[in-house]
Amino acid sequence: MNIEEEQIQEVIDDLQDTKNTLIENDGAEWIIDDISKVISKLEDLF
């Protein structure tokens, strides 16, 4: 399976938006932390 960098970047952007929304709305800290970890792992693929 070949995933293009552009597709990965779109996922990172979507996750970042979700994380920002959770932060703005005082979302559960563990969810924000988990999303941050996923974003970091995806960014490491580059």
N, C-alpha and C. Protein backbone atom coordinates (compact mmCIF):
# COMPACT_ATOMS: atom_id res chain seq x y z
N MET A 1 0.85 -1.18 0.00
CA MET A 1 0.00 0.00 0.00
C MET A 1 0.89 1.24 0.00
N ASN A 2 0.62 2.15 -0.89
CA ASN A 2 1.42 3.35 -1.02
C ASN A 2 0.58 4.57 -0.65
N ILE A 3 0.98 5.23 0.40
CA ILE A 3 0.27 6.42 0.84
C ILE A 3 1.11 7.64 0.48
N GLU A 4 0.51 8.56 -0.21
CA GLU A 4 1.22 9.76 -0.65
C GLU A 4 1.41 10.73 0.52
N GLU A 5 2.49 11.51 0.46
CA GLU A 5 2.76 12.50 1.49
C GLU A 5 1.61 13.48 1.64
N GLU A 6 1.01 13.84 0.52
CA GLU A 6 -0.10 14.80 0.55
C GLU A 6 -1.27 14.26 1.37
N GLN A 7 -1.54 12.96 1.23
CA GLN A 7 -2.62 12.34 1.99
C GLN A 7 -2.30 12.33 3.47
N ILE A 8 -1.05 12.03 3.80
CA ILE A 8 -0.64 12.04 5.20
C ILE A 8 -0.76 13.44 5.77
N GLN A 9 -0.36 14.45 5.00
CA GLN A 9 -0.45 15.83 5.46
C GLN A 9 -1.90 16.23 5.70
N GLU A 10 -2.82 15.76 4.86
CA GLU A 10 -4.24 16.05 5.06
C GLU A 10 -4.73 15.45 6.37
N VAL A 11 -4.29 14.23 6.67
CA VAL A 11 -4.68 13.59 7.93
C VAL A 11 -4.11 14.38 9.11
N ILE A 12 -2.85 14.78 9.01
CA ILE A 12 -2.23 15.58 10.08
C ILE A 12 -3.02 16.87 10.29
N ASP A 13 -3.36 17.54 9.21
CA ASP A 13 -4.11 18.80 9.31
C ASP A 13 -5.48 18.58 9.97
N ASP A 14 -6.17 17.51 9.57
CA ASP A 14 -7.47 17.20 10.16
C ASP A 14 -7.34 16.92 11.66
N LEU A 15 -6.34 16.14 12.02
CA LEU A 15 -6.13 15.83 13.43
C LEU A 15 -5.77 17.08 14.22
N GLN A 16 -4.97 17.95 13.62
CA GLN A 16 -4.59 19.20 14.29
C GLN A 16 -5.83 20.06 14.52
N ASP A 17 -6.72 20.13 13.54
CA ASP A 17 -7.97 20.89 13.70
C ASP A 17 -8.82 20.30 14.82
N THR A 18 -8.91 18.98 14.86
CA THR A 18 -9.68 18.32 15.91
C THR A 18 -9.07 18.61 17.27
N LYS A 19 -7.76 18.52 17.36
CA LYS A 19 -7.06 18.79 18.62
C LYS A 19 -7.33 20.23 19.07
N ASN A 20 -7.22 21.18 18.14
CA ASN A 20 -7.46 22.59 18.49
C ASN A 20 -8.88 22.82 18.97
N THR A 21 -9.84 22.16 18.33
CA THR A 21 -11.24 22.28 18.75
C THR A 21 -11.42 21.74 20.17
N LEU A 22 -10.80 20.59 20.45
CA LEU A 22 -10.88 20.02 21.80
C LEU A 22 -10.26 20.95 22.83
N ILE A 23 -9.12 21.55 22.50
CA ILE A 23 -8.46 22.48 23.43
C ILE A 23 -9.37 23.68 23.70
N GLU A 24 -9.95 24.24 22.65
CA GLU A 24 -10.83 25.40 22.78
C GLU A 24 -12.06 25.10 23.62
N ASN A 25 -12.53 23.86 23.55
CA ASN A 25 -13.75 23.48 24.26
C ASN A 25 -13.48 22.67 25.52
N ASP A 26 -12.25 22.78 26.04
CA ASP A 26 -11.86 22.07 27.26
C ASP A 26 -12.16 20.58 27.17
N GLY A 27 -11.73 19.98 26.05
CA GLY A 27 -11.91 18.55 25.86
C GLY A 27 -11.05 17.75 26.83
N ALA A 28 -11.33 16.47 26.89
CA ALA A 28 -10.59 15.59 27.79
C ALA A 28 -9.10 15.62 27.45
N GLU A 29 -8.28 15.83 28.47
CA GLU A 29 -6.84 15.95 28.28
C GLU A 29 -6.23 14.71 27.65
N TRP A 30 -6.73 13.53 28.01
CA TRP A 30 -6.14 12.29 27.48
C TRP A 30 -6.39 12.16 25.98
N ILE A 31 -7.54 12.67 25.51
CA ILE A 31 -7.82 12.63 24.07
C ILE A 31 -6.86 13.57 23.33
N ILE A 32 -6.66 14.75 23.88
CA ILE A 32 -5.74 15.72 23.28
C ILE A 32 -4.33 15.13 23.23
N ASP A 33 -3.91 14.47 24.32
CA ASP A 33 -2.58 13.85 24.36
C ASP A 33 -2.46 12.74 23.32
N ASP A 34 -3.50 11.91 23.20
CA ASP A 34 -3.48 10.82 22.22
C ASP A 34 -3.39 11.35 20.80
N ILE A 35 -4.16 12.39 20.50
CA ILE A 35 -4.12 12.98 19.16
C ILE A 35 -2.74 13.57 18.89
N SER A 36 -2.14 14.19 19.89
CA SER A 36 -0.80 14.75 19.74
C SER A 36 0.21 13.67 19.40
N LYS A 37 0.09 12.51 20.05
CA LYS A 37 1.00 11.39 19.78
C LYS A 37 0.84 10.89 18.35
N VAL A 38 -0.41 10.79 17.89
CA VAL A 38 -0.66 10.32 16.52
C VAL A 38 -0.08 11.32 15.51
N ILE A 39 -0.29 12.60 15.75
CA ILE A 39 0.25 13.63 14.86
C ILE A 39 1.77 13.50 14.78
N SER A 40 2.42 13.34 15.93
CA SER A 40 3.88 13.20 15.95
C SER A 40 4.35 12.00 15.16
N LYS A 41 3.66 10.88 15.32
CA LYS A 41 4.05 9.67 14.60
C LYS A 41 3.89 9.85 13.09
N LEU A 42 2.81 10.51 12.68
CA LEU A 42 2.60 10.75 11.25
C LEU A 42 3.66 11.70 10.70
N GLU A 43 3.99 12.74 11.47
CA GLU A 43 5.00 13.69 11.01
C GLU A 43 6.37 13.02 10.89
N ASP A 44 6.63 12.04 11.74
CA ASP A 44 7.91 11.31 11.70
C ASP A 44 8.06 10.49 10.42
N LEU A 45 6.96 10.22 9.73
CA LEU A 45 7.02 9.44 8.49
C LEU A 45 7.70 10.21 7.35
N PHE A 46 7.79 11.51 7.49
CA PHE A 46 8.37 12.33 6.42
C PHE A 46 9.88 12.28 6.47
